[in-house]
Amino acid sequence: MLTSYFGVNAEQAAASGLPQYKPSSGFQDVGATLAIKYRLTDHISFVGSALMTQNLDRVMDSPFTERKWQPASILGVAYTF
């Protein structure tokens, strides 16, 4: 899976000018998630989560990976029937 997302084969390297890269197998990142839910009424709640992911070295060695840290967040409203 790492090769399909972060690798650059000879054909792709020739077309793009990027160096060839074949990552080794293993974990690509580590992360932590914090999720919250606040009940406003019996049926309506506010929900949210925040995620912080750190790419590991084998991903960072790829010629087109730019950032080591990847933050993400989600906010929403939930209705319970």
PDB file of N, CA and C in Angstrom:
ATOM      1  N   MET A   1       0.815  -1.192   0.000  1.00  0.00           N
ATOM      2  CA  MET A   1       0.000   0.000   0.000  1.00  0.00           C
ATOM      3  C   MET A   1       0.862   1.260   0.000  1.00  0.00           C
ATOM      4  N   LEU A   2       1.962   1.241   0.718  1.00  0.00           N
ATOM      5  CA  LEU A   2       2.834   2.412   0.734  1.00  0.00           C
ATOM      6  C   LEU A   2       3.358   2.736  -0.654  1.00  0.00           C
ATOM      7  N   THR A   3       3.667   1.700  -1.439  1.00  0.00           N
ATOM      8  CA  THR A   3       4.192   1.926  -2.779  1.00  0.00           C
ATOM      9  C   THR A   3       3.161   2.601  -3.661  1.00  0.00           C
ATOM     10  N   SER A   4       1.896   2.186  -3.578  1.00  0.00           N
ATOM     11  CA  SER A   4       0.875   2.780  -4.446  1.00  0.00           C
ATOM     12  C   SER A   4       0.592   4.232  -4.089  1.00  0.00           C
ATOM     13  N   TYR A   5       0.743   4.624  -2.831  1.00  0.00           N
ATOM     14  CA  TYR A   5       0.482   6.007  -2.434  1.00  0.00           C
ATOM     15  C   TYR A   5       1.727   6.888  -2.466  1.00  0.00           C
ATOM     16  N   PHE A   6       2.871   6.365  -2.100  1.00  0.00           N
ATOM     17  CA  PHE A   6       4.059   7.202  -1.910  1.00  0.00           C
ATOM     18  C   PHE A   6       5.226   6.844  -2.827  1.00  0.00           C
ATOM     19  N   GLY A   7       5.131   5.751  -3.549  1.00  0.00           N
ATOM     20  CA  GLY A   7       6.220   5.321  -4.413  1.00  0.00           C
ATOM     21  C   GLY A   7       6.215   6.031  -5.759  1.00  0.00           C
ATOM     22  N   VAL A   8       7.384   6.039  -6.401  1.00  0.00           N
ATOM     23  CA  VAL A   8       7.546   6.598  -7.745  1.00  0.00           C
ATOM     24  C   VAL A   8       8.325   5.561  -8.542  1.00  0.00           C
ATOM     25  N   ASN A   9       7.668   4.929  -9.545  1.00  0.00           N
ATOM     26  CA  ASN A   9       8.374   3.930 -10.350  1.00  0.00           C
ATOM     27  C   ASN A   9       9.138   4.613 -11.487  1.00  0.00           C
ATOM     28  N   ALA A  10       9.855   3.825 -12.281  1.00  0.00           N
ATOM     29  CA  ALA A  10      10.722   4.384 -13.334  1.00  0.00           C
ATOM     30  C   ALA A  10       9.917   5.178 -14.357  1.00  0.00           C
ATOM     31  N   GLU A  11       8.761   4.673 -14.752  1.00  0.00           N
ATOM     32  CA  GLU A  11       7.928   5.367 -15.743  1.00  0.00           C
ATOM     33  C   GLU A  11       7.417   6.703 -15.189  1.00  0.00           C
ATOM     34  N   GLN A  12       6.962   6.696 -13.959  1.00  0.00           N
ATOM     35  CA  GLN A  12       6.477   7.931 -13.332  1.00  0.00           C
ATOM     36  C   GLN A  12       7.618   8.930 -13.134  1.00  0.00           C
ATOM     37  N   ALA A  13       8.810   8.429 -12.769  1.00  0.00           N
ATOM     38  CA  ALA A  13       9.963   9.303 -12.581  1.00  0.00           C
ATOM     39  C   ALA A  13      10.354   9.981 -13.891  1.00  0.00           C
ATOM     40  N   ALA A  14      10.326   9.214 -14.997  1.00  0.00           N
ATOM     41  CA  ALA A  14      10.675   9.781 -16.305  1.00  0.00           C
ATOM     42  C   ALA A  14       9.664  10.845 -16.729  1.00  0.00           C
ATOM     43  N   ALA A  15       8.386  10.619 -16.431  1.00  0.00           N
ATOM     44  CA  ALA A  15       7.342  11.559 -16.841  1.00  0.00           C
ATOM     45  C   ALA A  15       7.293  12.811 -15.963  1.00  0.00           C
ATOM     46  N   SER A  16       7.654  12.681 -14.694  1.00  0.00           N
ATOM     47  CA  SER A  16       7.490  13.792 -13.759  1.00  0.00           C
ATOM     48  C   SER A  16       8.781  14.519 -13.407  1.00  0.00           C
ATOM     49  N   GLY A  17       9.908  13.870 -13.592  1.00  0.00           N
ATOM     50  CA  GLY A  17      11.180  14.457 -13.176  1.00  0.00           C
ATOM     51  C   GLY A  17      11.511  14.190 -11.716  1.00  0.00           C
ATOM     52  N   LEU A  18      10.619  13.494 -10.994  1.00  0.00           N
ATOM     53  CA  LEU A  18      10.892  13.127  -9.603  1.00  0.00           C
ATOM     54  C   LEU A  18      11.824  11.924  -9.564  1.00  0.00           C
ATOM     55  N   PRO A  19      12.585  11.771  -8.503  1.00  0.00           N
ATOM     56  CA  PRO A  19      13.439  10.577  -8.392  1.00  0.00           C
ATOM     57  C   PRO A  19      12.591   9.340  -8.098  1.00  0.00           C
ATOM     58  N   GLN A  20      13.104   8.177  -8.488  1.00  0.00           N
ATOM     59  CA  GLN A  20      12.420   6.929  -8.163  1.00  0.00           C
ATOM     60  C   GLN A  20      12.449   6.718  -6.655  1.00  0.00           C
ATOM     61  N   TYR A  21      11.373   6.140  -6.135  1.00  0.00           N
ATOM     62  CA  TYR A  21      11.315   5.849  -4.708  1.00  0.00           C
ATOM     63  C   TYR A  21      10.397   4.657  -4.486  1.00  0.00           C
ATOM     64  N   LYS A  22      10.901   3.679  -3.765  1.00  0.00           N
ATOM     65  CA  LYS A  22      10.113   2.505  -3.396  1.00  0.00           C
ATOM     66  C   LYS A  22      10.169   2.368  -1.877  1.00  0.00           C
ATOM     67  N   PRO A  23       9.086   2.738  -1.183  1.00  0.00           N
ATOM     68  CA  PRO A  23       9.087   2.658   0.278  1.00  0.00           C
ATOM     69  C   PRO A  23       9.054   1.218   0.755  1.00  0.00           C
ATOM     70  N   SER A  24       9.613   0.986   1.929  1.00  0.00           N
ATOM     71  CA  SER A  24       9.545  -0.339   2.536  1.00  0.00           C
ATOM     72  C   SER A  24       8.161  -0.521   3.159  1.00  0.00           C
ATOM     73  N   SER A  25       7.814  -1.751   3.456  1.00  0.00           N
ATOM     74  CA  SER A  25       6.515  -2.013   4.059  1.00  0.00           C
ATOM     75  C   SER A  25       6.523  -1.624   5.535  1.00  0.00           C
ATOM     76  N   GLY A  26       5.355  -1.458   6.078  1.00  0.00           N
ATOM     77  CA  GLY A  26       5.239  -1.115   7.498  1.00  0.00           C
ATOM     78  C   GLY A  26       4.243  -0.012   7.733  1.00  0.00           C
ATOM     79  N   PHE A  27       4.304   0.575   8.896  1.00  0.00           N
ATOM     80  CA  PHE A  27       3.371   1.635   9.258  1.00  0.00           C
ATOM     81  C   PHE A  27       3.698   2.908   8.507  1.00  0.00           C
ATOM     82  N   GLN A  28       2.658   3.633   8.088  1.00  0.00           N
ATOM     83  CA  GLN A  28       2.891   4.898   7.387  1.00  0.00           C
ATOM     84  C   GLN A  28       2.734   6.103   8.298  1.00  0.00           C
ATOM     85  N   ASP A  29       1.908   5.996   9.334  1.00  0.00           N
ATOM     86  CA  ASP A  29       1.739   7.135  10.223  1.00  0.00           C
ATOM     87  C   ASP A  29       1.218   6.691  11.585  1.00  0.00           C
ATOM     88  N   VAL A  30       1.256   7.615  12.531  1.00  0.00           N
ATOM     89  CA  VAL A  30       0.664   7.428  13.850  1.00  0.00           C
ATOM     90  C   VAL A  30      -0.179   8.666  14.126  1.00  0.00           C
ATOM     91  N   GLY A  31      -1.226   8.485  14.917  1.00  0.00           N
ATOM     92  CA  GLY A  31      -2.077   9.637  15.165  1.00  0.00           C
ATOM     93  C   GLY A  31      -2.897   9.491  16.423  1.00  0.00           C
ATOM     94  N   ALA A  32      -3.563  10.571  16.768  1.00  0.00           N
ATOM     95  CA  ALA A  32      -4.446  10.598  17.925  1.00  0.00           C
ATOM     96  C   ALA A  32      -5.709  11.360  17.544  1.00  0.00           C
ATOM     97  N   THR A  33      -6.832  10.909  18.083  1.00  0.00           N
ATOM     98  CA  THR A  33      -8.116  11.534  17.810  1.00  0.00           C
ATOM     99  C   THR A  33      -8.820  11.868  19.116  1.00  0.00           C
ATOM    100  N   LEU A  34      -9.433  13.032  19.153  1.00  0.00           N
ATOM    101  CA  LEU A  34     -10.253  13.441  20.275  1.00  0.00           C
ATOM    102  C   LEU A  34     -11.656  13.702  19.735  1.00  0.00           C
ATOM    103  N   ALA A  35     -12.659  13.033  20.305  1.00  0.00           N
ATOM    104  CA  ALA A  35     -14.043  13.208  19.857  1.00  0.00           C
ATOM    105  C   ALA A  35     -14.889  13.699  21.021  1.00  0.00           C
ATOM    106  N   ILE A  36     -15.820  14.609  20.703  1.00  0.00           N
ATOM    107  CA  ILE A  36     -16.717  15.127  21.724  1.00  0.00           C
ATOM    108  C   ILE A  36     -18.153  15.102  21.222  1.00  0.00           C
ATOM    109  N   LYS A  37     -19.076  15.005  22.155  1.00  0.00           N
ATOM    110  CA  LYS A  37     -20.498  15.071  21.844  1.00  0.00           C
ATOM    111  C   LYS A  37     -21.167  15.872  22.951  1.00  0.00           C
ATOM    112  N   TYR A  38     -21.908  16.899  22.573  1.00  0.00           N
ATOM    113  CA  TYR A  38     -22.604  17.732  23.539  1.00  0.00           C
ATOM    114  C   TYR A  38     -24.095  17.651  23.244  1.00  0.00           C
ATOM    115  N   ARG A  39     -24.860  17.109  24.191  1.00  0.00           N
ATOM    116  CA  ARG A  39     -26.302  16.975  24.005  1.00  0.00           C
ATOM    117  C   ARG A  39     -26.975  18.305  24.320  1.00  0.00           C
ATOM    118  N   LEU A  40     -27.611  18.886  23.305  1.00  0.00           N
ATOM    119  CA  LEU A  40     -28.322  20.143  23.465  1.00  0.00           C
ATOM    120  C   LEU A  40     -29.748  19.890  23.966  1.00  0.00           C
ATOM    121  N   THR A  41     -30.430  18.925  23.351  1.00  0.00           N
ATOM    122  CA  THR A  41     -31.765  18.496  23.776  1.00  0.00           C
ATOM    123  C   THR A  41     -31.780  16.967  23.771  1.00  0.00           C
ATOM    124  N   ASP A  42     -32.944  16.379  24.003  1.00  0.00           N
ATOM    125  CA  ASP A  42     -33.064  14.918  23.945  1.00  0.00           C
ATOM    126  C   ASP A  42     -32.785  14.379  22.543  1.00  0.00           C
ATOM    127  N   HIS A  43     -32.961  15.211  21.528  1.00  0.00           N
ATOM    128  CA  HIS A  43     -32.814  14.746  20.147  1.00  0.00           C
ATOM    129  C   HIS A  43     -31.644  15.380  19.389  1.00  0.00           C
ATOM    130  N   ILE A  44     -31.177  16.508  19.806  1.00  0.00           N
ATOM    131  CA  ILE A  44     -30.148  17.231  19.048  1.00  0.00           C
ATOM    132  C   ILE A  44     -28.844  17.297  19.840  1.00  0.00           C
ATOM    133  N   SER A  45     -27.764  16.951  19.167  1.00  0.00           N
ATOM    134  CA  SER A  45     -26.435  17.003  19.774  1.00  0.00           C
ATOM    135  C   SER A  45     -25.462  17.666  18.810  1.00  0.00           C
ATOM    136  N   PHE A  46     -24.476  18.337  19.361  1.00  0.00           N
ATOM    137  CA  PHE A  46     -23.348  18.828  18.580  1.00  0.00           C
ATOM    138  C   PHE A  46     -22.225  17.800  18.718  1.00  0.00           C
ATOM    139  N   VAL A  47     -21.578  17.478  17.615  1.00  0.00           N
ATOM    140  CA  VAL A  47     -20.494  16.503  17.638  1.00  0.00           C
ATOM    141  C   VAL A  47     -19.261  17.104  16.968  1.00  0.00           C
ATOM    142  N   GLY A  48     -18.117  16.644  17.383  1.00  0.00           N
ATOM    143  CA  GLY A  48     -16.889  17.117  16.767  1.00  0.00           C
ATOM    144  C   GLY A  48     -15.737  16.185  17.066  1.00  0.00           C
ATOM    145  N   SER A  49     -14.746  16.238  16.226  1.00  0.00           N
ATOM    146  CA  SER A  49     -13.526  15.476  16.481  1.00  0.00           C
ATOM    147  C   SER A  49     -12.342  16.226  15.883  1.00  0.00           C
ATOM    148  N   ALA A  50     -11.202  16.019  16.488  1.00  0.00           N
ATOM    149  CA  ALA A  50      -9.946  16.593  16.005  1.00  0.00           C
ATOM    150  C   ALA A  50      -8.934  15.455  15.915  1.00  0.00           C
ATOM    151  N   LEU A  51      -8.186  15.432  14.835  1.00  0.00           N
ATOM    152  CA  LEU A  51      -7.217  14.374  14.571  1.00  0.00           C
ATOM    153  C   LEU A  51      -5.878  14.998  14.231  1.00  0.00           C
ATOM    154  N   MET A  52      -4.823  14.453  14.789  1.00  0.00           N
ATOM    155  CA  MET A  52      -3.466  14.885  14.450  1.00  0.00           C
ATOM    156  C   MET A  52      -2.676  13.638  14.078  1.00  0.00           C
ATOM    157  N   THR A  53      -2.158  13.622  12.868  1.00  0.00           N
ATOM    158  CA  THR A  53      -1.412  12.475  12.360  1.00  0.00           C
ATOM    159  C   THR A  53       0.010  12.895  12.024  1.00  0.00           C
ATOM    160  N   GLN A  54       0.982  12.040  12.366  1.00  0.00           N
ATOM    161  CA  GLN A  54       2.378  12.298  12.020  1.00  0.00           C
ATOM    162  C   GLN A  54       2.833  11.217  11.056  1.00  0.00           C
ATOM    163  N   ASN A  55       3.306  11.635   9.869  1.00  0.00           N
ATOM    164  CA  ASN A  55       3.855  10.692   8.900  1.00  0.00           C
ATOM    165  C   ASN A  55       5.189  10.165   9.407  1.00  0.00           C
ATOM    166  N   LEU A  56       5.425   8.888   9.233  1.00  0.00           N
ATOM    167  CA  LEU A  56       6.684   8.282   9.641  1.00  0.00           C
ATOM    168  C   LEU A  56       7.735   8.471   8.552  1.00  0.00           C
ATOM    169  N   ASP A  57       8.975   8.151   8.875  1.00  0.00           N
ATOM    170  CA  ASP A  57      10.101   8.441   7.982  1.00  0.00           C
ATOM    171  C   ASP A  57       9.964   7.840   6.594  1.00  0.00           C
ATOM    172  N   ARG A  58       9.441   6.621   6.468  1.00  0.00           N
ATOM    173  CA  ARG A  58       9.357   6.010   5.141  1.00  0.00           C
ATOM    174  C   ARG A  58       8.406   6.779   4.236  1.00  0.00           C
ATOM    175  N   VAL A  59       7.419   7.455   4.801  1.00  0.00           N
ATOM    176  CA  VAL A  59       6.522   8.305   4.017  1.00  0.00           C
ATOM    177  C   VAL A  59       7.195   9.644   3.728  1.00  0.00           C
ATOM    178  N   MET A  60       7.883  10.193   4.712  1.00  0.00           N
ATOM    179  CA  MET A  60       8.537  11.485   4.533  1.00  0.00           C
ATOM    180  C   MET A  60       9.682  11.420   3.520  1.00  0.00           C
ATOM    181  N   ASP A  61      10.246  10.246   3.294  1.00  0.00           N
ATOM    182  CA  ASP A  61      11.314  10.093   2.310  1.00  0.00           C
ATOM    183  C   ASP A  61      10.792  10.142   0.872  1.00  0.00           C
ATOM    184  N   SER A  62       9.485  10.036   0.682  1.00  0.00           N
ATOM    185  CA  SER A  62       8.892  10.108  -0.653  1.00  0.00           C
ATOM    186  C   SER A  62       9.136  11.499  -1.237  1.00  0.00           C
ATOM    187  N   PRO A  63       9.411  11.596  -2.546  1.00  0.00           N
ATOM    188  CA  PRO A  63       9.740  12.899  -3.126  1.00  0.00           C
ATOM    189  C   PRO A  63       8.572  13.881  -3.187  1.00  0.00           C
ATOM    190  N   PHE A  64       7.349  13.443  -2.973  1.00  0.00           N
ATOM    191  CA  PHE A  64       6.239  14.388  -3.040  1.00  0.00           C
ATOM    192  C   PHE A  64       5.462  14.547  -1.736  1.00  0.00           C
ATOM    193  N   THR A  65       5.985  14.026  -0.634  1.00  0.00           N
ATOM    194  CA  THR A  65       5.388  14.273   0.674  1.00  0.00           C
ATOM    195  C   THR A  65       5.988  15.546   1.240  1.00  0.00           C
ATOM    196  N   GLU A  66       5.115  16.500   1.596  1.00  0.00           N
ATOM    197  CA  GLU A  66       5.602  17.817   2.016  1.00  0.00           C
ATOM    198  C   GLU A  66       5.535  18.052   3.515  1.00  0.00           C
ATOM    199  N   ARG A  67       4.518  17.517   4.184  1.00  0.00           N
ATOM    200  CA  ARG A  67       4.335  17.848   5.602  1.00  0.00           C
ATOM    201  C   ARG A  67       4.423  16.610   6.479  1.00  0.00           C
ATOM    202  N   LYS A  68       5.089  16.744   7.597  1.00  0.00           N
ATOM    203  CA  LYS A  68       5.202  15.639   8.552  1.00  0.00           C
ATOM    204  C   LYS A  68       3.925  15.490   9.370  1.00  0.00           C
ATOM    205  N   TRP A  69       3.287  16.612   9.721  1.00  0.00           N
ATOM    206  CA  TRP A  69       2.070  16.610  10.534  1.00  0.00           C
ATOM    207  C   TRP A  69       0.857  16.904   9.665  1.00  0.00           C
ATOM    208  N   GLN A  70      -0.237  16.184   9.922  1.00  0.00           N
ATOM    209  CA  GLN A  70      -1.477  16.394   9.182  1.00  0.00           C
ATOM    210  C   GLN A  70      -2.638  16.551  10.161  1.00  0.00           C
ATOM    211  N   PRO A  71      -3.117  17.772  10.356  1.00  0.00           N
ATOM    212  CA  PRO A  71      -4.268  17.967  11.231  1.00  0.00           C
ATOM    213  C   PRO A  71      -5.574  17.814  10.443  1.00  0.00           C
ATOM    214  N   ALA A  72      -6.629  17.446  11.141  1.00  0.00           N
ATOM    215  CA  ALA A  72      -7.964  17.364  10.538  1.00  0.00           C
ATOM    216  C   ALA A  72      -8.995  17.576  11.640  1.00  0.00           C
ATOM    217  N   SER A  73     -10.155  18.085  11.248  1.00  0.00           N
ATOM    218  CA  SER A  73     -11.228  18.252  12.221  1.00  0.00           C
ATOM    219  C   SER A  73     -12.578  18.100  11.527  1.00  0.00           C
ATOM    220  N   ILE A  74     -13.571  17.732  12.326  1.00  0.00           N
ATOM    221  CA  ILE A  74     -14.933  17.556  11.833  1.00  0.00           C
ATOM    222  C   ILE A  74     -15.884  18.141  12.873  1.00  0.00           C
ATOM    223  N   LEU A  75     -16.835  18.923  12.429  1.00  0.00           N
ATOM    224  CA  LEU A  75     -17.881  19.452  13.289  1.00  0.00           C
ATOM    225  C   LEU A  75     -19.230  19.111  12.668  1.00  0.00           C
ATOM    226  N   GLY A  76     -20.221  18.846  13.498  1.00  0.00           N
ATOM    227  CA  GLY A  76     -21.521  18.524  12.948  1.00  0.00           C
ATOM    228  C   GLY A  76     -22.618  18.577  13.992  1.00  0.00           C
ATOM    229  N   VAL A  77     -23.826  18.378  13.489  1.00  0.00           N
ATOM    230  CA  VAL A  77     -25.011  18.308  14.333  1.00  0.00           C
ATOM    231  C   VAL A  77     -25.638  16.944  14.100  1.00  0.00           C
ATOM    232  N   ALA A  78     -26.018  16.282  15.187  1.00  0.00           N
ATOM    233  CA  ALA A  78     -26.648  14.961  15.086  1.00  0.00           C
ATOM    234  C   ALA A  78     -28.071  15.025  15.617  1.00  0.00           C
ATOM    235  N   TYR A  79     -28.965  14.329  14.948  1.00  0.00           N
ATOM    236  CA  TYR A  79     -30.345  14.235  15.398  1.00  0.00           C
ATOM    237  C   TYR A  79     -30.650  12.777  15.694  1.00  0.00           C
ATOM    238  N   THR A  80     -31.151  12.520  16.891  1.00  0.00           N
ATOM    239  CA  THR A  80     -31.518  11.167  17.295  1.00  0.00           C
ATOM    240  C   THR A  80     -33.031  11.019  17.263  1.00  0.00           C
ATOM    241  N   PHE A  81     -33.510  10.032  16.555  1.00  0.00           N
ATOM    242  CA  PHE A  81     -34.961   9.794  16.451  1.00  0.00           C
ATOM    243  C   PHE A  81     -35.503   9.101  17.662  1.00  0.00           C
TER     244      PHE A  81
END
